[in-house]
Amino acid sequence: TEVVREYVAHTGAVAVLAVREDRGEPEIFLIQQYRHPIGAHDWEIPAGLLDVEGEAPELTAARELAEEADLVADHLEQLVAHTPSPGGLDETITVYLATGLSDVPQDARYEREDEEAGMPCGWVPLSVAVDAVLAGQVRNGPVMLAVLALHARRRP
């Protein structure tokens, strides 16, 4: 028998877990953005669609990190990739780990507009993020996977 399935074709996306360790405990960079489909402000990591033709995913990740966090990474490596809803969406989100961070020069920063202007952001200790994920306080898939993957990677 022939089975017909409908699904959403998606360009794919990247997300970036920016990590700094200059204050002792590792910290991750989070952004809070209003997301209408869930009717809530969601804590997220910098992310974006693979919607620039010919742009390699690593370059998309670097661009999104600069645009959303005003950060440049000396090192980007794939941390984890996942398909968030394989029953109805062919999207794959690849999460990169960004280290060796420095600030984008003030005169080269991306000008944020509309809902992106004034989004709260900041650094959170990795241990606090792990506890929040395990306590069910974080529901954002890329954040959950990235935090737990980094935590697992760092364990002896």
Protein backbone atom coordinates (compact mmCIF):
# COMPACT_ATOMS: atom_id res chain seq x y z
CA THR A 1 0.00 0.00 0.00
CA GLU A 2 1.07 3.54 -0.71
CA VAL A 3 1.24 5.83 2.29
CA VAL A 4 1.00 9.59 1.85
CA ARG A 5 2.54 11.86 4.43
CA GLU A 6 2.42 15.62 4.66
CA TYR A 7 5.21 17.50 6.33
CA VAL A 8 6.80 20.92 6.39
CA ALA A 9 9.98 21.28 4.32
CA HIS A 10 12.42 23.43 6.26
CA THR A 11 15.75 25.07 5.40
CA GLY A 12 17.34 23.90 8.63
CA ALA A 13 18.90 26.02 11.33
CA VAL A 14 21.90 26.51 13.55
CA ALA A 15 22.22 27.48 17.20
CA VAL A 16 25.29 28.53 19.15
CA LEU A 17 26.21 27.73 22.74
CA ALA A 18 28.71 30.46 23.60
CA VAL A 19 30.83 29.49 26.61
CA ARG A 20 33.28 31.56 28.60
CA GLU A 21 35.41 30.40 31.51
CA ASP A 22 37.15 33.62 32.53
CA ARG A 23 35.28 33.90 35.85
CA GLY A 24 35.98 30.41 37.19
CA GLU A 25 32.89 28.34 36.50
CA PRO A 26 31.87 28.01 32.84
CA GLU A 27 29.07 30.36 31.84
CA ILE A 28 26.75 30.26 28.83
CA PHE A 29 25.18 33.16 26.95
CA LEU A 30 21.37 33.29 26.85
CA ILE A 31 18.89 35.62 25.15
CA GLN A 32 15.25 36.05 26.13
CA GLN A 33 12.85 36.52 23.21
CA TYR A 34 9.06 36.60 22.99
CA ARG A 35 7.75 33.67 20.97
CA HIS A 36 4.13 34.07 19.93
CA PRO A 37 3.40 30.37 19.19
CA ILE A 38 4.02 29.51 22.85
CA GLY A 39 2.78 32.86 24.20
CA ALA A 40 5.86 33.36 26.35
CA HIS A 41 9.28 34.90 26.64
CA ASP A 42 11.71 32.04 26.07
CA TRP A 43 15.36 31.82 27.08
CA GLU A 44 17.33 30.80 24.01
CA ILE A 45 20.83 30.57 22.63
CA PRO A 46 21.74 32.58 19.51
CA ALA A 47 20.25 30.86 16.49
CA GLY A 48 19.11 31.33 12.94
CA LEU A 49 17.91 29.74 9.75
CA LEU A 50 20.11 28.34 7.02
CA ASP A 51 18.50 30.75 4.59
CA VAL A 52 21.50 32.42 2.91
CA GLU A 53 22.21 30.53 -0.29
CA GLY A 54 25.70 29.05 -0.36
CA GLU A 55 26.52 29.99 3.25
CA ALA A 56 28.11 27.12 5.16
CA PRO A 57 26.39 26.25 8.46
CA GLU A 58 29.52 27.23 10.44
CA LEU A 59 29.44 30.69 8.84
CA THR A 60 25.74 31.02 9.64
CA ALA A 61 26.52 30.14 13.25
CA ALA A 62 29.31 32.74 13.40
CA ARG A 63 27.05 35.37 11.81
CA GLU A 64 24.18 34.67 14.24
CA LEU A 65 26.56 34.81 17.21
CA ALA A 66 27.81 38.23 16.06
CA GLU A 67 24.32 39.56 15.27
CA GLU A 68 22.54 38.35 18.39
CA ALA A 69 25.28 38.34 21.03
CA ASP A 70 27.90 40.81 19.71
CA LEU A 71 30.46 38.02 20.05
CA VAL A 72 33.13 36.47 17.83
CA ALA A 73 34.47 32.97 18.51
CA ASP A 74 38.03 31.83 17.87
CA HIS A 75 36.71 28.27 17.80
CA LEU A 76 33.38 26.84 16.59
CA GLU A 77 32.71 23.11 16.66
CA GLN A 78 29.59 21.04 16.24
CA LEU A 79 28.26 20.03 19.63
CA VAL A 80 25.03 18.23 18.71
CA ALA A 81 22.42 18.08 15.95
CA HIS A 82 18.77 17.16 16.29
CA THR A 83 15.49 16.93 14.44
CA PRO A 84 12.96 18.67 16.71
CA SER A 85 9.77 17.31 15.16
CA PRO A 86 10.52 14.49 12.70
CA GLY A 87 6.87 13.47 12.43
CA GLY A 88 5.91 16.63 10.61
CA LEU A 89 9.01 18.70 9.90
CA ASP A 90 12.27 17.85 8.12
CA GLU A 91 14.23 20.52 10.00
CA THR A 92 17.62 19.71 11.49
CA ILE A 93 19.10 22.12 14.03
CA THR A 94 22.86 21.91 14.39
CA VAL A 95 24.20 23.35 17.63
CA TYR A 96 27.74 24.69 17.67
CA LEU A 97 29.96 25.24 20.68
CA ALA A 98 31.66 28.65 20.56
CA THR A 99 34.78 29.30 22.64
CA GLY A 100 37.62 31.80 22.62
CA LEU A 101 35.13 34.64 22.64
CA SER A 102 35.72 38.32 22.06
CA ASP A 103 33.42 41.28 21.54
CA VAL A 104 32.43 42.52 18.11
CA PRO A 105 33.87 46.05 17.81
CA GLN A 106 31.26 48.69 18.67
CA ASP A 107 31.26 50.23 15.18
CA ALA A 108 30.76 46.81 13.51
CA ARG A 109 27.81 45.61 15.58
CA TYR A 110 24.54 44.55 13.99
CA GLU A 111 21.77 47.09 14.52
CA ARG A 112 18.86 45.31 16.17
CA GLU A 113 15.35 46.46 15.29
CA ASP A 114 11.74 45.73 16.24
CA GLU A 115 11.39 42.79 18.64
CA GLU A 116 15.14 42.14 18.62
CA ALA A 117 15.91 45.59 20.08
CA GLY A 118 16.32 45.46 23.82
CA MET A 119 16.03 41.70 24.29
CA PRO A 120 17.33 40.72 27.73
CA CYS A 121 20.51 38.67 27.60
CA GLY A 122 23.29 37.59 29.87
CA TRP A 123 25.67 34.98 31.17
CA VAL A 124 24.44 32.07 33.28
CA PRO A 125 26.67 29.59 35.12
CA LEU A 126 26.58 26.19 33.41
CA SER A 127 25.65 24.47 36.69
CA VAL A 128 22.61 26.76 37.08
CA ALA A 129 21.56 26.02 33.49
CA VAL A 130 21.93 22.25 34.03
CA ASP A 131 19.84 22.43 37.21
CA ALA A 132 17.16 24.49 35.42
CA VAL A 133 16.97 21.99 32.55
CA LEU A 134 16.74 19.00 34.90
CA ALA A 135 14.09 20.77 37.02
CA GLY A 136 11.90 21.33 33.96
CA GLN A 137 12.31 25.11 34.04
CA VAL A 138 13.71 25.20 30.50
CA ARG A 139 11.61 23.96 27.59
CA ASN A 140 13.63 25.25 24.64
CA GLY A 141 15.00 22.19 22.85
CA PRO A 142 18.30 23.60 21.55
CA VAL A 143 19.11 25.06 24.99
CA MET A 144 18.28 21.79 26.75
CA LEU A 145 20.32 19.65 24.36
CA ALA A 146 23.27 22.02 24.24
CA VAL A 147 23.46 22.45 28.02
CA LEU A 148 23.21 18.72 28.72
CA ALA A 149 25.64 17.81 25.91
CA LEU A 150 28.23 20.26 27.22
CA HIS A 151 27.68 19.07 30.78
CA ALA A 152 28.15 15.43 29.71
CA ARG A 153 31.25 16.29 27.69
CA ARG A 154 32.86 18.03 30.68
CA ARG A 155 32.28 15.15 33.14
CA PRO A 156 35.27 12.92 33.86
